[in-house]
């Protein structure tokens, strides 16, 4: 009898170190770090994911962090008091570095996901990350380190990958990425958002500001129209997709009205375009707040594992 071993249609990156981190006090009370474990557990329960197909990363090193962030900033974030003040969370202990370790773990996951997306030729989902607000010398918007930028710099340093596209569909503009790569024509930052933080003159960028009361139909039309333009003008070798779930109408902090069905259509569409153009893709959850936010990313991964297009 011939045994056929089927490879998964997508891979998951996760670490138990993702479960220590951002406090649920103050402005972070809607950010549930356990939702990623919930996603993993539900995928296993549904028999869509096997433990052997989970990829386990190592935390990001300071050398890798230094590819994006300044020496002075790295020195500052080693101080738990600075970190808690920068993220506007309560200080548990002046000696407690768990928040920094959380960000290092997730950043390491994004780097690992990128290398595996290239080598495996399959979509790779990190169960954390998409810290698109962090800038070389400062934290912003719950983002202490910029995992996308770190991964891009590492990939460009260690591989033959040249052109990288960031597709950012989080509710908020990916201002950190745009600032970091504003003078780099090999990294295209494409963002559709309802909340603009900064405006930059970038050499490879398309920012589309939409109304928060946009209908499902118009939201999907804007994505298809603009992504088509980007893919026709920029020949990407790798895509980082920030699949923010905060445009969802059930989000606790954002005010868009996009249905669950349309969110899944959006996500599957991005995956289908990567497949159509034969571009490796790394997927990151980005923002998403409230008790139902985990379902948006879960349903996306579920569709990917089932091969839905």
Foldseek 3Di string as FASTA:
>chain_A
DDDDDDDFQEAEEDDPLLQFADDCDDPNVFPDSCLLVVLVVVCVVVVLDDPVRYHYFDFADVVLLVLFAPPVQVVQLCFQVSVCVQQVHDDPDRNDNSHVSNLRRQLRRLLVQQVCLVVVLHEYEYSAAPLLQDHRRGHDDNRSGHSVSSSVSVCVVPHPFFAEEEEEEAQEDSVRVCVRQQAPQRYAYEYEHQHYDDDDNRPHYDYHHDHLADELVVVLVVLVVVVVVNVVVHPGQEYEYALELCLDCPFPPGHHHHHLVSSLVNLVVVVVVCVVSSHRYYYHHHHGTHDCRSVSVSSNVSCSSVVHD
